[in-house]
């Protein structure tokens, strides 16, 4: 019976009974298993009418995309979409997984800008220090969205490599990290609003307000206060291995070089496209 229920849920339409996924204040008991407590400031809804324009929420994996989606849903009550189908997220607060049209507020993507210029009108680009983003995604690969990889995972070797899987992962992901941000800032034809994860953490209210202004969404003071009071949610990885740093001096040097190149591109983009400056020099 349990397996049958799981199969039925997996096959259920993404847009089925849009307004009944959530009730005000908590998750409905439609799922096939007990979910962690999740409280919403207001009942989640789809955009009505749908917008003719779609906004991307682009980021490198491990940069806090899910957390920013959560904050936006808390503040606006509007669901956020994704180009992916993550069933775990779908039953933990994101019913619009794999929805990429104007019925959602923003659409999550970890990909480069699409070839079609009409796919996205504008984009939010969430940037996190590559040191933390790469480590967060390595943890996700091994232990899911909120787990932490064991120390043994950083020493493992495979595919007859002389170096560890972790060393290979850092080198390849650092190249991907730099490339992703470069492409969104130099190849995407629409406006891009840069959000630094570290600033979102240290000054959540102001940073979230800037995102809402870019999206042309107005929320009341009460709605913003509620979103901030519930900002932690269940989507931020809290557990860390104490007194353990998997990065070598050579890795740190490569990270600084890549990070500085991207920050220079951000500064150049903002000086040319907007009069707004963003705080990014305080990222360690």
Protein backbone atom coordinates (compact mmCIF):
# COMPACT_ATOMS: atom_id res chain seq x y z
CA UNK A 1 0.00 0.00 0.00
CA UNK A 2 2.86 2.36 0.83
CA UNK A 3 4.57 1.72 -2.51
CA UNK A 4 1.27 2.24 -4.32
CA UNK A 5 0.78 5.59 -2.58
CA UNK A 6 4.29 6.71 -3.55
CA UNK A 7 3.73 5.81 -7.20
CA UNK A 8 0.41 7.64 -7.29
CA UNK A 9 2.03 10.75 -5.83
CA UNK A 10 4.93 10.68 -8.29
CA UNK A 11 2.49 10.51 -11.21
CA UNK A 12 0.16 13.24 -9.97
CA UNK A 13 0.00 16.34 -12.24
CA UNK A 14 2.21 19.24 -11.23
CA UNK A 15 -0.57 21.79 -11.61
CA UNK A 16 -3.31 19.60 -10.13
CA UNK A 17 -5.51 21.37 -7.59
CA UNK A 18 -3.16 24.34 -7.41
CA UNK A 19 -4.79 26.08 -4.48
CA UNK A 20 -5.13 23.00 -2.30
CA UNK A 21 -1.48 22.06 -1.80
CA UNK A 22 -1.17 24.31 1.22
CA UNK A 23 -3.37 25.84 3.83
CA UNK A 24 -2.62 29.03 5.71
CA UNK A 25 0.01 28.38 8.33
CA UNK A 26 1.03 24.78 7.68
CA UNK A 27 1.42 21.97 5.18
CA UNK A 28 -1.63 19.92 4.29
CA UNK A 29 -1.54 16.20 5.08
CA UNK A 30 -1.75 15.18 1.41
CA UNK A 31 1.73 13.64 1.36
CA UNK A 32 2.44 9.97 1.83
CA UNK A 33 4.76 10.49 4.78
CA UNK A 34 5.08 12.76 7.79
CA UNK A 35 6.77 16.06 6.88
CA UNK A 36 8.81 18.35 9.13
CA UNK A 37 6.85 21.27 10.54
CA UNK A 38 6.69 24.12 8.03
CA UNK A 39 4.73 27.27 8.78
CA UNK A 40 3.88 29.83 6.14
CA UNK A 41 3.08 33.48 6.67
CA UNK A 42 0.24 33.11 4.19
CA UNK A 43 -1.23 30.40 2.02
CA UNK A 44 0.90 29.68 -1.04
CA UNK A 45 -0.73 30.59 -4.35
CA UNK A 46 0.13 30.58 -8.04
CA UNK A 47 0.37 33.88 -9.93
CA UNK A 48 -3.02 34.86 -11.20
CA UNK A 49 -3.11 35.87 -13.91
CA UNK A 50 0.22 34.34 -14.97
CA UNK A 51 2.89 36.83 -15.96
CA UNK A 52 3.91 36.92 -19.64
CA UNK A 53 7.49 37.26 -18.44
CA UNK A 54 9.57 34.67 -16.61
CA UNK A 55 12.35 35.60 -14.18
CA UNK A 56 15.30 33.27 -13.64
CA UNK A 57 16.79 32.65 -10.22
CA UNK A 58 20.24 31.56 -11.35
CA UNK A 59 23.00 30.29 -9.10
CA UNK A 60 25.79 27.79 -8.81
CA UNK A 61 24.72 24.72 -6.80
CA UNK A 62 25.26 25.22 -3.08
CA UNK A 63 24.73 28.98 -3.20
CA UNK A 64 21.47 29.16 -1.27
CA UNK A 65 18.96 29.05 -4.12
CA UNK A 66 16.46 26.99 -2.13
CA UNK A 67 16.69 29.30 0.87
CA UNK A 68 16.08 32.41 -1.25
CA UNK A 69 13.09 30.70 -2.88
CA UNK A 70 11.76 29.96 0.60
CA UNK A 71 12.18 33.59 1.68
CA UNK A 72 10.38 34.82 -1.44
CA UNK A 73 7.51 32.42 -0.86
CA UNK A 74 7.25 33.54 2.76
CA UNK A 75 7.18 37.22 1.86
CA UNK A 76 4.88 37.08 -1.17
CA UNK A 77 2.83 33.91 -0.77
CA UNK A 78 3.58 33.08 -4.42
CA UNK A 79 5.17 29.76 -5.37
CA UNK A 80 8.55 29.61 -7.06
CA UNK A 81 9.42 27.22 -9.89
CA UNK A 82 12.42 25.26 -11.11
CA UNK A 83 13.76 23.76 -14.31
CA UNK A 84 14.37 20.61 -12.26
CA UNK A 85 12.09 18.08 -10.58
CA UNK A 86 13.24 17.55 -7.01
CA UNK A 87 10.59 15.39 -5.35
CA UNK A 88 12.09 16.02 -1.93
CA UNK A 89 11.62 19.77 -2.35
CA UNK A 90 8.20 19.32 -3.88
CA UNK A 91 6.83 17.74 -0.72
CA UNK A 92 8.78 20.09 1.55
CA UNK A 93 7.40 23.44 0.50
CA UNK A 94 7.90 23.80 -3.26
CA UNK A 95 4.85 22.47 -5.14
CA UNK A 96 5.96 24.18 -8.37
CA UNK A 97 9.04 22.03 -8.99
CA UNK A 98 9.53 21.61 -12.76
CA UNK A 99 7.22 24.57 -13.52
CA UNK A 100 8.95 27.18 -15.68
CA UNK A 101 6.20 29.51 -16.88
CA UNK A 102 4.72 32.78 -15.69
CA UNK A 103 2.53 31.13 -13.07
CA UNK A 104 5.48 31.20 -10.65
CA UNK A 105 7.41 34.11 -9.16
CA UNK A 106 10.91 33.00 -10.24
CA UNK A 107 12.41 29.88 -11.80
CA UNK A 108 15.41 28.16 -10.27
CA UNK A 109 18.27 27.23 -12.58
CA UNK A 110 21.89 26.21 -12.17
CA UNK A 111 22.44 26.33 -15.94
CA UNK A 112 24.01 28.93 -18.22
CA UNK A 113 21.66 31.45 -19.87
CA UNK A 114 19.35 29.68 -22.35
CA UNK A 115 19.96 30.02 -26.06
CA UNK A 116 16.43 31.29 -26.58
CA UNK A 117 16.34 35.00 -25.72
CA UNK A 118 12.65 34.74 -24.88
CA UNK A 119 12.93 32.12 -22.14
CA UNK A 120 13.69 34.61 -19.36
CA UNK A 121 13.01 38.34 -19.34
CA UNK A 122 15.33 39.07 -16.43
CA UNK A 123 17.38 37.23 -13.85
CA UNK A 124 18.35 37.18 -10.21
CA UNK A 125 21.95 35.97 -9.93
CA UNK A 126 22.74 34.58 -6.48
CA UNK A 127 26.49 34.47 -5.86
CA UNK A 128 28.21 32.76 -2.96
CA UNK A 129 31.88 32.56 -2.10
CA UNK A 130 33.09 29.55 -4.17
CA UNK A 131 34.79 28.06 -1.12
CA UNK A 132 31.46 27.72 0.67
CA UNK A 133 29.34 26.97 -2.42
CA UNK A 134 31.55 24.11 -3.58
CA UNK A 135 31.68 22.60 -0.11
CA UNK A 136 27.91 22.94 0.32
CA UNK A 137 27.25 21.16 -2.97
CA UNK A 138 29.75 18.42 -2.09
CA UNK A 139 27.77 17.92 1.12
CA UNK A 140 24.52 17.83 -0.87
CA UNK A 141 25.90 15.18 -3.23
CA UNK A 142 26.76 12.97 -0.26
CA UNK A 143 24.05 13.79 2.29
CA UNK A 144 21.24 15.73 0.62
CA UNK A 145 20.07 19.31 1.04
CA UNK A 146 20.78 19.71 4.76
CA UNK A 147 23.28 16.93 5.55
CA UNK A 148 27.06 17.01 5.90
CA UNK A 149 29.52 14.68 4.15
CA UNK A 150 31.72 12.58 6.48
CA UNK A 151 35.47 13.20 6.61
CA UNK A 152 36.06 9.93 4.75
CA UNK A 153 34.35 11.37 1.67
CA UNK A 154 37.12 13.96 1.29
CA UNK A 155 39.84 11.29 1.21
CA UNK A 156 38.18 8.84 -1.16
CA UNK A 157 39.86 8.08 -4.49
CA UNK A 158 38.26 6.51 -7.52
CA UNK A 159 38.71 6.03 -11.27
CA UNK A 160 42.39 5.22 -10.70
CA UNK A 161 43.21 8.82 -9.87
CA UNK A 162 46.27 9.76 -7.88
CA UNK A 163 44.41 12.71 -6.40
CA UNK A 164 41.33 12.44 -4.21
CA UNK A 165 37.82 12.80 -5.58
CA UNK A 166 37.56 15.97 -3.49
CA UNK A 167 40.60 17.55 -5.19
CA UNK A 168 39.22 16.72 -8.61
CA UNK A 169 35.80 18.03 -7.58
CA UNK A 170 37.17 21.36 -6.37
CA UNK A 171 39.15 21.98 -9.56
CA UNK A 172 36.28 21.13 -11.91
CA UNK A 173 33.62 22.94 -9.88
CA UNK A 174 35.68 26.08 -9.49
CA UNK A 175 35.94 26.32 -13.27
CA UNK A 176 32.18 25.80 -13.54
CA UNK A 177 31.53 28.39 -10.80
CA UNK A 178 33.45 31.07 -12.65
CA UNK A 179 31.98 30.19 -16.03
CA UNK A 180 28.37 30.27 -14.83
CA UNK A 181 28.59 33.76 -13.38
CA UNK A 182 30.59 35.09 -16.30
CA UNK A 183 27.98 33.89 -18.79
CA UNK A 184 24.99 35.36 -16.93
CA UNK A 185 26.76 38.71 -16.60
CA UNK A 186 28.13 38.93 -20.15
CA UNK A 187 25.81 36.88 -22.38
CA UNK A 188 22.32 37.28 -20.91
CA UNK A 189 20.50 40.09 -22.78
CA UNK A 190 18.09 41.05 -20.00
CA UNK A 191 18.68 42.90 -16.73
CA UNK A 192 20.44 40.98 -13.95
CA UNK A 193 20.11 41.72 -10.24
CA UNK A 194 23.09 40.37 -8.31
CA UNK A 195 22.48 39.01 -4.81
CA UNK A 196 25.38 37.96 -2.63
CA UNK A 197 24.55 35.08 -0.33
CA UNK A 198 26.74 36.48 2.44
CA UNK A 199 24.80 39.75 2.36
CA UNK A 200 21.52 37.86 2.35
CA UNK A 201 22.65 36.17 5.56
CA UNK A 202 24.01 39.27 7.30
CA UNK A 203 21.26 41.70 6.22
CA UNK A 204 18.33 39.52 5.21
CA UNK A 205 15.64 42.20 5.33
CA UNK A 206 17.34 44.80 3.15
CA UNK A 207 18.66 42.22 0.68
CA UNK A 208 15.27 40.54 0.36
CA UNK A 209 13.63 43.94 -0.11
CA UNK A 210 16.06 44.67 -2.95
CA UNK A 211 15.07 41.41 -4.61
CA UNK A 212 11.38 42.24 -4.23
CA UNK A 213 11.94 45.70 -5.71
CA UNK A 214 13.66 44.12 -8.71
CA UNK A 215 10.69 41.76 -9.11
CA UNK A 216 8.31 44.72 -8.77
CA UNK A 217 6.55 43.01 -5.87
CA UNK A 218 5.14 45.00 -2.97
CA UNK A 219 4.68 43.34 0.41
CA UNK A 220 3.31 44.82 3.60
CA UNK A 221 5.45 45.47 6.65
CA UNK A 222 3.59 42.68 8.44
CA UNK A 223 4.37 40.23 5.63
CA UNK A 224 8.04 41.19 5.64
CA UNK A 225 8.22 40.95 9.42
CA UNK A 226 6.69 37.48 9.28
CA UNK A 227 9.12 36.33 6.58
CA UNK A 228 12.07 37.56 8.63
CA UNK A 229 10.78 35.94 11.82
CA UNK A 230 10.62 32.59 10.00
CA UNK A 231 13.72 33.12 7.87
CA UNK A 232 15.63 30.06 9.06
CA UNK A 233 13.08 27.54 7.80
CA UNK A 234 14.45 24.02 7.24
CA UNK A 235 16.59 24.69 4.16
CA UNK A 236 19.92 25.87 5.55
CA UNK A 237 22.61 23.36 6.43
CA UNK A 238 23.52 23.96 10.07
CA UNK A 239 25.75 21.04 11.00
CA UNK A 240 29.45 21.38 10.29
CA UNK A 241 32.43 19.21 11.12
CA UNK A 242 34.32 21.19 13.73
CA UNK A 243 38.04 21.88 13.34
CA UNK A 244 38.07 20.48 9.83
CA UNK A 245 39.11 22.38 6.69
CA UNK A 246 39.24 20.26 3.52
CA UNK A 247 40.91 22.99 1.45
CA UNK A 248 44.65 23.08 0.78
CA UNK A 249 46.71 26.30 0.34
CA UNK A 250 46.81 25.63 -3.41
CA UNK A 251 43.01 25.37 -3.48
CA UNK A 252 42.64 28.62 -1.59
CA UNK A 253 44.91 30.38 -4.07
CA UNK A 254 42.87 29.13 -7.03
CA UNK A 255 39.64 30.13 -5.27
CA UNK A 256 40.86 33.68 -4.65
CA UNK A 257 41.88 34.11 -8.27
CA UNK A 258 38.54 32.86 -9.63
CA UNK A 259 36.56 34.82 -7.05
CA UNK A 260 38.36 38.09 -7.83
CA UNK A 261 37.80 37.65 -11.55
CA UNK A 262 34.06 37.20 -11.03
CA UNK A 263 33.84 40.13 -8.61
CA UNK A 264 35.54 42.32 -11.21
CA UNK A 265 32.96 41.25 -13.78
CA UNK A 266 30.17 42.07 -11.31
CA UNK A 267 31.62 45.51 -10.62
CA UNK A 268 32.00 46.20 -14.35
CA UNK A 269 28.44 45.02 -15.04
CA UNK A 270 26.95 47.16 -12.31
CA UNK A 271 28.89 50.25 -13.31
CA UNK A 272 27.62 49.91 -16.87
CA UNK A 273 24.03 48.78 -16.27
CA UNK A 274 22.97 50.35 -12.98
CA UNK A 275 23.82 53.08 -10.53
CA UNK A 276 23.51 50.68 -7.63
CA UNK A 277 26.59 49.28 -5.95
CA UNK A 278 26.54 46.01 -4.08
CA UNK A 279 28.67 45.09 -1.11
CA UNK A 280 30.93 42.23 -2.07
CA UNK A 281 34.37 43.12 -0.79
CA UNK A 282 33.44 41.89 2.69
CA UNK A 283 33.25 38.27 1.57
CA UNK A 284 36.14 36.39 3.12
